[in-house]
Amino acid sequence: MHARVSFYQLQEGADPEAGVKGFRDSIGTLEAMEGEQGVMLLVDRTTGKAITITLWDTEDNLHASAEQANKVREQASSSGQLSILGVENYEVAIEKRR
């Protein structure tokens, strides 16, 4: 499994709920991408920082989804009043779910 991790900062004076809504509205587009295995949005409402983690079944699907994921990220962050700070790819070495 592989993960794309994106880092964001809420724009000054913006409502944190706008950021959450921006990403919630994009989940359907992500789910339609080949190999998508899940998505998480982490938020710190005190600092305005946010992180998304999308999970992919293979490294090939992670890379193949990059262009479309960039568009989704731009759209979600724009409507959510978030600045994109960076995007990184990782291999998921250990995964434990209940």
N, C-alpha and C. Protein backbone atom coordinates (compact mmCIF):
# COMPACT_ATOMS: atom_id res chain seq x y z
N MET A 1 0.85 -1.17 0.00
CA MET A 1 0.00 0.00 0.00
C MET A 1 0.90 1.23 0.00
N HIS A 2 0.37 2.32 -0.58
CA HIS A 2 1.12 3.57 -0.67
C HIS A 2 0.21 4.72 -0.26
N ALA A 3 0.84 5.82 0.18
CA ALA A 3 0.08 6.96 0.68
C ALA A 3 0.61 8.25 0.07
N ARG A 4 -0.32 9.15 -0.21
CA ARG A 4 0.02 10.52 -0.59
C ARG A 4 -0.40 11.40 0.57
N VAL A 5 0.53 12.16 1.11
CA VAL A 5 0.28 13.00 2.27
C VAL A 5 0.43 14.45 1.84
N SER A 6 -0.62 15.24 2.08
CA SER A 6 -0.61 16.65 1.69
C SER A 6 -0.79 17.51 2.93
N PHE A 7 -0.07 18.63 2.96
CA PHE A 7 -0.05 19.52 4.13
C PHE A 7 -0.65 20.86 3.75
N TYR A 8 -1.48 21.41 4.63
CA TYR A 8 -2.21 22.65 4.36
C TYR A 8 -2.16 23.59 5.55
N GLN A 9 -2.44 24.87 5.26
CA GLN A 9 -2.60 25.88 6.30
C GLN A 9 -3.85 26.68 5.97
N LEU A 10 -4.74 26.79 6.95
CA LEU A 10 -5.95 27.59 6.77
C LEU A 10 -5.56 29.05 6.61
N GLN A 11 -6.15 29.71 5.64
CA GLN A 11 -5.84 31.12 5.41
C GLN A 11 -6.36 31.95 6.58
N GLU A 12 -5.65 33.00 6.88
CA GLU A 12 -5.99 33.85 8.02
C GLU A 12 -7.43 34.34 7.92
N GLY A 13 -8.17 34.18 9.01
CA GLY A 13 -9.54 34.63 9.08
C GLY A 13 -10.56 33.68 8.48
N ALA A 14 -10.11 32.57 7.91
CA ALA A 14 -11.02 31.62 7.28
C ALA A 14 -11.66 30.71 8.34
N ASP A 15 -12.84 30.21 8.02
CA ASP A 15 -13.57 29.30 8.90
C ASP A 15 -13.06 27.88 8.71
N PRO A 16 -12.61 27.20 9.79
CA PRO A 16 -12.12 25.83 9.65
C PRO A 16 -13.14 24.88 9.02
N GLU A 17 -14.42 25.13 9.25
CA GLU A 17 -15.45 24.26 8.66
C GLU A 17 -15.46 24.35 7.14
N ALA A 18 -15.04 25.49 6.59
CA ALA A 18 -14.96 25.62 5.13
C ALA A 18 -13.91 24.65 4.58
N GLY A 19 -12.82 24.50 5.30
CA GLY A 19 -11.78 23.55 4.89
C GLY A 19 -12.28 22.12 4.92
N VAL A 20 -12.98 21.76 5.98
CA VAL A 20 -13.53 20.41 6.09
C VAL A 20 -14.53 20.17 4.96
N LYS A 21 -15.40 21.12 4.71
CA LYS A 21 -16.41 20.98 3.64
C LYS A 21 -15.75 20.85 2.28
N GLY A 22 -14.70 21.62 2.03
CA GLY A 22 -14.00 21.56 0.75
C GLY A 22 -13.50 20.15 0.46
N PHE A 23 -12.97 19.48 1.46
CA PHE A 23 -12.47 18.12 1.28
C PHE A 23 -13.60 17.10 1.26
N ARG A 24 -14.61 17.30 2.08
CA ARG A 24 -15.75 16.37 2.10
C ARG A 24 -16.39 16.32 0.71
N ASP A 25 -16.49 17.47 0.06
CA ASP A 25 -17.10 17.54 -1.27
C ASP A 25 -16.28 16.83 -2.34
N SER A 26 -15.00 16.59 -2.09
CA SER A 26 -14.14 15.97 -3.10
C SER A 26 -14.00 14.46 -2.93
N ILE A 27 -14.57 13.90 -1.89
CA ILE A 27 -14.39 12.47 -1.61
C ILE A 27 -14.89 11.59 -2.75
N GLY A 28 -16.01 11.93 -3.35
CA GLY A 28 -16.55 11.13 -4.45
C GLY A 28 -15.59 11.04 -5.63
N THR A 29 -14.94 12.15 -5.95
CA THR A 29 -13.97 12.16 -7.04
C THR A 29 -12.79 11.26 -6.71
N LEU A 30 -12.32 11.31 -5.48
CA LEU A 30 -11.21 10.44 -5.05
C LEU A 30 -11.60 8.97 -5.12
N GLU A 31 -12.80 8.65 -4.65
CA GLU A 31 -13.24 7.26 -4.63
C GLU A 31 -13.32 6.65 -6.02
N ALA A 32 -13.51 7.48 -7.03
CA ALA A 32 -13.62 6.99 -8.41
C ALA A 32 -12.27 6.70 -9.05
N MET A 33 -11.18 7.11 -8.40
CA MET A 33 -9.84 6.91 -8.97
C MET A 33 -9.40 5.46 -8.76
N GLU A 34 -8.79 4.88 -9.80
CA GLU A 34 -8.36 3.49 -9.74
C GLU A 34 -7.31 3.29 -8.64
N GLY A 35 -7.57 2.29 -7.79
CA GLY A 35 -6.62 1.93 -6.75
C GLY A 35 -6.79 2.66 -5.44
N GLU A 36 -7.72 3.61 -5.37
CA GLU A 36 -7.92 4.38 -4.14
C GLU A 36 -8.44 3.44 -3.04
N GLN A 37 -7.81 3.50 -1.88
CA GLN A 37 -8.15 2.60 -0.78
C GLN A 37 -8.66 3.32 0.47
N GLY A 38 -8.66 4.65 0.46
CA GLY A 38 -9.16 5.37 1.62
C GLY A 38 -8.59 6.77 1.68
N VAL A 39 -9.23 7.60 2.49
CA VAL A 39 -8.80 8.99 2.65
C VAL A 39 -9.05 9.42 4.09
N MET A 40 -8.16 10.24 4.61
CA MET A 40 -8.31 10.82 5.95
C MET A 40 -8.00 12.31 5.87
N LEU A 41 -8.71 13.09 6.64
CA LEU A 41 -8.42 14.51 6.81
C LEU A 41 -8.16 14.73 8.29
N LEU A 42 -6.97 15.23 8.60
CA LEU A 42 -6.60 15.56 9.97
C LEU A 42 -6.58 17.08 10.09
N VAL A 43 -7.20 17.62 11.13
CA VAL A 43 -7.23 19.08 11.31
C VAL A 43 -6.84 19.45 12.73
N ASP A 44 -6.17 20.57 12.84
CA ASP A 44 -5.90 21.19 14.14
C ASP A 44 -6.59 22.55 14.08
N ARG A 45 -7.74 22.64 14.69
CA ARG A 45 -8.54 23.86 14.59
C ARG A 45 -7.89 25.03 15.34
N THR A 46 -6.96 24.74 16.24
CA THR A 46 -6.27 25.79 16.97
C THR A 46 -5.24 26.49 16.09
N THR A 47 -4.45 25.71 15.36
CA THR A 47 -3.38 26.29 14.53
C THR A 47 -3.80 26.52 13.08
N GLY A 48 -4.90 25.89 12.66
CA GLY A 48 -5.33 26.00 11.26
C GLY A 48 -4.58 25.08 10.32
N LYS A 49 -3.81 24.14 10.87
CA LYS A 49 -3.08 23.19 10.04
C LYS A 49 -3.99 22.01 9.71
N ALA A 50 -3.77 21.43 8.52
CA ALA A 50 -4.53 20.26 8.10
C ALA A 50 -3.62 19.35 7.29
N ILE A 51 -3.95 18.06 7.31
CA ILE A 51 -3.21 17.05 6.55
C ILE A 51 -4.24 16.12 5.92
N THR A 52 -4.05 15.80 4.65
CA THR A 52 -4.83 14.72 4.05
C THR A 52 -3.90 13.55 3.77
N ILE A 53 -4.44 12.37 3.95
CA ILE A 53 -3.73 11.15 3.63
C ILE A 53 -4.64 10.33 2.73
N THR A 54 -4.19 10.06 1.50
CA THR A 54 -4.93 9.16 0.63
C THR A 54 -4.12 7.88 0.48
N LEU A 55 -4.82 6.76 0.47
CA LEU A 55 -4.18 5.46 0.41
C LEU A 55 -4.45 4.82 -0.95
N TRP A 56 -3.41 4.15 -1.49
CA TRP A 56 -3.46 3.57 -2.83
C TRP A 56 -2.97 2.14 -2.78
N ASP A 57 -3.58 1.26 -3.57
CA ASP A 57 -3.23 -0.15 -3.53
C ASP A 57 -1.84 -0.45 -4.08
N THR A 58 -1.38 0.32 -5.07
CA THR A 58 -0.05 0.10 -5.64
C THR A 58 0.65 1.43 -5.88
N GLU A 59 1.95 1.36 -5.98
CA GLU A 59 2.73 2.56 -6.29
C GLU A 59 2.36 3.09 -7.69
N ASP A 60 2.10 2.18 -8.62
CA ASP A 60 1.70 2.61 -9.97
C ASP A 60 0.42 3.42 -9.94
N ASN A 61 -0.58 2.98 -9.16
CA ASN A 61 -1.83 3.73 -9.07
C ASN A 61 -1.65 5.05 -8.33
N LEU A 62 -0.76 5.07 -7.35
CA LEU A 62 -0.43 6.32 -6.67
C LEU A 62 0.08 7.34 -7.69
N HIS A 63 1.05 6.92 -8.51
CA HIS A 63 1.64 7.84 -9.50
C HIS A 63 0.65 8.17 -10.62
N ALA A 64 -0.14 7.18 -11.04
CA ALA A 64 -1.10 7.41 -12.12
C ALA A 64 -2.19 8.40 -11.72
N SER A 65 -2.48 8.49 -10.44
CA SER A 65 -3.54 9.38 -9.95
C SER A 65 -3.03 10.79 -9.66
N ALA A 66 -1.73 11.02 -9.79
CA ALA A 66 -1.13 12.28 -9.33
C ALA A 66 -1.74 13.51 -9.99
N GLU A 67 -1.90 13.49 -11.31
CA GLU A 67 -2.41 14.67 -12.00
C GLU A 67 -3.84 14.98 -11.58
N GLN A 68 -4.68 13.95 -11.55
CA GLN A 68 -6.07 14.16 -11.13
C GLN A 68 -6.12 14.57 -9.66
N ALA A 69 -5.27 13.97 -8.83
CA ALA A 69 -5.24 14.33 -7.41
C ALA A 69 -4.81 15.78 -7.22
N ASN A 70 -3.90 16.27 -8.06
CA ASN A 70 -3.49 17.67 -7.99
C ASN A 70 -4.68 18.59 -8.23
N LYS A 71 -5.51 18.25 -9.20
CA LYS A 71 -6.70 19.07 -9.51
C LYS A 71 -7.68 19.05 -8.34
N VAL A 72 -7.92 17.86 -7.78
CA VAL A 72 -8.83 17.74 -6.64
C VAL A 72 -8.30 18.53 -5.46
N ARG A 73 -7.01 18.43 -5.20
CA ARG A 73 -6.37 19.15 -4.09
C ARG A 73 -6.52 20.66 -4.27
N GLU A 74 -6.24 21.14 -5.47
CA GLU A 74 -6.37 22.58 -5.76
C GLU A 74 -7.80 23.06 -5.54
N GLN A 75 -8.75 22.29 -6.06
CA GLN A 75 -10.16 22.68 -5.95
C GLN A 75 -10.62 22.67 -4.49
N ALA A 76 -10.30 21.59 -3.77
CA ALA A 76 -10.72 21.47 -2.38
C ALA A 76 -10.08 22.54 -1.51
N SER A 77 -8.79 22.80 -1.72
CA SER A 77 -8.11 23.80 -0.90
C SER A 77 -8.60 25.21 -1.21
N SER A 78 -8.90 25.47 -2.48
CA SER A 78 -9.41 26.79 -2.86
C SER A 78 -10.77 27.04 -2.23
N SER A 79 -11.69 26.08 -2.36
CA SER A 79 -13.02 26.28 -1.79
C SER A 79 -12.98 26.24 -0.27
N GLY A 80 -11.97 25.57 0.30
CA GLY A 80 -11.85 25.48 1.74
C GLY A 80 -10.97 26.55 2.35
N GLN A 81 -10.48 27.48 1.53
CA GLN A 81 -9.64 28.59 2.00
C GLN A 81 -8.37 28.09 2.69
N LEU A 82 -7.71 27.12 2.04
CA LEU A 82 -6.48 26.53 2.55
C LEU A 82 -5.34 26.76 1.58
N SER A 83 -4.15 26.98 2.09
CA SER A 83 -2.95 27.04 1.26
C SER A 83 -2.28 25.67 1.31
N ILE A 84 -1.83 25.19 0.15
CA ILE A 84 -1.13 23.92 0.08
C ILE A 84 0.34 24.17 0.42
N LEU A 85 0.83 23.48 1.44
CA LEU A 85 2.21 23.66 1.88
C LEU A 85 3.15 22.64 1.25
N GLY A 86 2.63 21.46 0.91
CA GLY A 86 3.48 20.43 0.31
C GLY A 86 2.75 19.12 0.14
N VAL A 87 3.32 18.25 -0.69
CA VAL A 87 2.76 16.93 -0.97
C VAL A 87 3.92 15.94 -1.00
N GLU A 88 3.75 14.81 -0.31
CA GLU A 88 4.80 13.79 -0.26
C GLU A 88 4.17 12.41 -0.44
N ASN A 89 4.93 11.48 -1.01
CA ASN A 89 4.48 10.11 -1.20
C ASN A 89 5.27 9.18 -0.29
N TYR A 90 4.58 8.15 0.22
CA TYR A 90 5.19 7.19 1.13
C TYR A 90 4.72 5.78 0.81
N GLU A 91 5.54 4.81 1.17
CA GLU A 91 5.10 3.43 1.22
C GLU A 91 4.54 3.20 2.62
N VAL A 92 3.41 2.54 2.71
CA VAL A 92 2.85 2.18 4.02
C VAL A 92 3.54 0.89 4.45
N ALA A 93 4.42 0.99 5.42
CA ALA A 93 5.21 -0.16 5.86
C ALA A 93 4.45 -1.03 6.84
N ILE A 94 3.62 -0.42 7.68
CA ILE A 94 2.80 -1.15 8.65
C ILE A 94 1.43 -0.50 8.67
N GLU A 95 0.41 -1.34 8.67
CA GLU A 95 -0.96 -0.83 8.76
C GLU A 95 -1.71 -1.71 9.74
N LYS A 96 -2.39 -1.10 10.68
CA LYS A 96 -3.19 -1.84 11.66
C LYS A 96 -4.53 -1.15 11.75
N ARG A 97 -5.58 -1.89 11.51
CA ARG A 97 -6.95 -1.36 11.64
C ARG A 97 -7.74 -2.28 12.54
N ARG A 98 -8.75 -1.75 13.14
CA ARG A 98 -9.66 -2.57 13.97
C ARG A 98 -10.86 -2.97 13.18
